Amino acid sequence: MKIYVVISLQGEEMENVFVSTDEEKALSLTPADFEGSDALFVEVWEDGGKIDDFRLQ
């Protein structure tokens, strides 16, 4: 099972803002969904290890 961790960047700060197995929801998020967010990144985890990471819009 894959777990999607969405990380919000605000200046120099990083915060996990969404963690779920729902790929569609995770990939539909935008910085506007989180107050003050400059950018969003996604980490994809499977079987206890990170298998991918990328920036969202």
C-alpha atoms as a PDB file:
ATOM      1  CA  MET A   1       0.000   0.000   0.000  1.00  0.00           C
ATOM      2  CA  LYS A   2       1.313   3.457  -0.904  1.00  0.00           C
ATOM      3  CA  ILE A   3       1.159   6.343   1.540  1.00  0.00           C
ATOM      4  CA  TYR A   4       1.231   9.928   0.268  1.00  0.00           C
ATOM      5  CA  VAL A   5       2.789  12.589   2.501  1.00  0.00           C
ATOM      6  CA  VAL A   6       2.201  16.184   1.396  1.00  0.00           C
ATOM      7  CA  ILE A   7       4.697  18.691   2.774  1.00  0.00           C
ATOM      8  CA  SER A   8       4.039  22.429   2.773  1.00  0.00           C
ATOM      9  CA  LEU A   9       6.899  24.909   2.522  1.00  0.00           C
ATOM     10  CA  GLN A  10       6.524  28.367   4.064  1.00  0.00           C
ATOM     11  CA  GLY A  11       9.745  30.285   3.692  1.00  0.00           C
ATOM     12  CA  GLU A  12      12.307  28.134   5.527  1.00  0.00           C
ATOM     13  CA  GLU A  13       9.697  26.033   7.379  1.00  0.00           C
ATOM     14  CA  MET A  14       8.394  22.613   6.344  1.00  0.00           C
ATOM     15  CA  GLU A  15       5.253  20.956   7.697  1.00  0.00           C
ATOM     16  CA  ASN A  16       3.417  17.718   6.901  1.00  0.00           C
ATOM     17  CA  VAL A  17      -0.080  18.888   5.993  1.00  0.00           C
ATOM     18  CA  PHE A  18      -1.676  15.730   4.556  1.00  0.00           C
ATOM     19  CA  VAL A  19      -0.976  12.022   4.974  1.00  0.00           C
ATOM     20  CA  SER A  20      -3.204   9.450   3.279  1.00  0.00           C
ATOM     21  CA  THR A  21      -3.442   6.437   1.010  1.00  0.00           C
ATOM     22  CA  ASP A  22      -5.742   8.498  -1.278  1.00  0.00           C
ATOM     23  CA  GLU A  23      -3.536   9.269  -4.289  1.00  0.00           C
ATOM     24  CA  GLU A  24      -6.189  11.295  -6.119  1.00  0.00           C
ATOM     25  CA  LYS A  25      -6.774  13.615  -3.157  1.00  0.00           C
ATOM     26  CA  ALA A  26      -3.057  14.036  -2.432  1.00  0.00           C
ATOM     27  CA  LEU A  27      -2.252  14.949  -6.035  1.00  0.00           C
ATOM     28  CA  SER A  28      -5.183  17.387  -6.288  1.00  0.00           C
ATOM     29  CA  LEU A  29      -3.931  19.647  -3.475  1.00  0.00           C
ATOM     30  CA  THR A  30      -2.446  23.072  -4.238  1.00  0.00           C
ATOM     31  CA  PRO A  31      -0.571  25.610  -2.086  1.00  0.00           C
ATOM     32  CA  ALA A  32      -3.803  27.669  -1.955  1.00  0.00           C
ATOM     33  CA  ASP A  33      -5.360  24.853   0.107  1.00  0.00           C
ATOM     34  CA  PHE A  34      -3.000  25.699   2.999  1.00  0.00           C
ATOM     35  CA  GLU A  35      -2.722  29.205   4.402  1.00  0.00           C
ATOM     36  CA  GLY A  36       0.666  30.760   3.741  1.00  0.00           C
ATOM     37  CA  SER A  37       2.050  27.824   1.765  1.00  0.00           C
ATOM     38  CA  ASP A  38       4.645  28.724  -0.862  1.00  0.00           C
ATOM     39  CA  ALA A  39       4.933  25.229  -2.384  1.00  0.00           C
ATOM     40  CA  LEU A  40       3.850  21.637  -1.846  1.00  0.00           C
ATOM     41  CA  PHE A  41       5.928  18.501  -2.187  1.00  0.00           C
ATOM     42  CA  VAL A  42       4.766  14.879  -2.134  1.00  0.00           C
ATOM     43  CA  GLU A  43       6.655  11.910  -0.760  1.00  0.00           C
ATOM     44  CA  VAL A  44       5.390   8.462  -1.754  1.00  0.00           C
ATOM     45  CA  TRP A  45       6.088   5.663   0.735  1.00  0.00           C
ATOM     46  CA  GLU A  46       5.591   1.928   0.276  1.00  0.00           C
ATOM     47  CA  ASP A  47       6.578  -0.966   2.542  1.00  0.00           C
ATOM     48  CA  GLY A  48       8.305   1.394   4.979  1.00  0.00           C
ATOM     49  CA  GLY A  49      10.533   3.101   2.409  1.00  0.00           C
ATOM     50  CA  LYS A  50      10.281   6.260   0.333  1.00  0.00           C
ATOM     51  CA  ILE A  51       9.927   5.341  -3.334  1.00  0.00           C
ATOM     52  CA  ASP A  52       9.353   8.774  -4.907  1.00  0.00           C
ATOM     53  CA  ASP A  53       9.137  12.498  -4.199  1.00  0.00           C
ATOM     54  CA  PHE A  54       8.176  15.471  -6.335  1.00  0.00           C
ATOM     55  CA  ARG A  55       6.797  19.009  -6.248  1.00  0.00           C
ATOM     56  CA  LEU A  56       3.112  19.676  -6.769  1.00  0.00           C
ATOM     57  CA  GLN A  57       1.853  22.729  -8.654  1.00  0.00           C
END
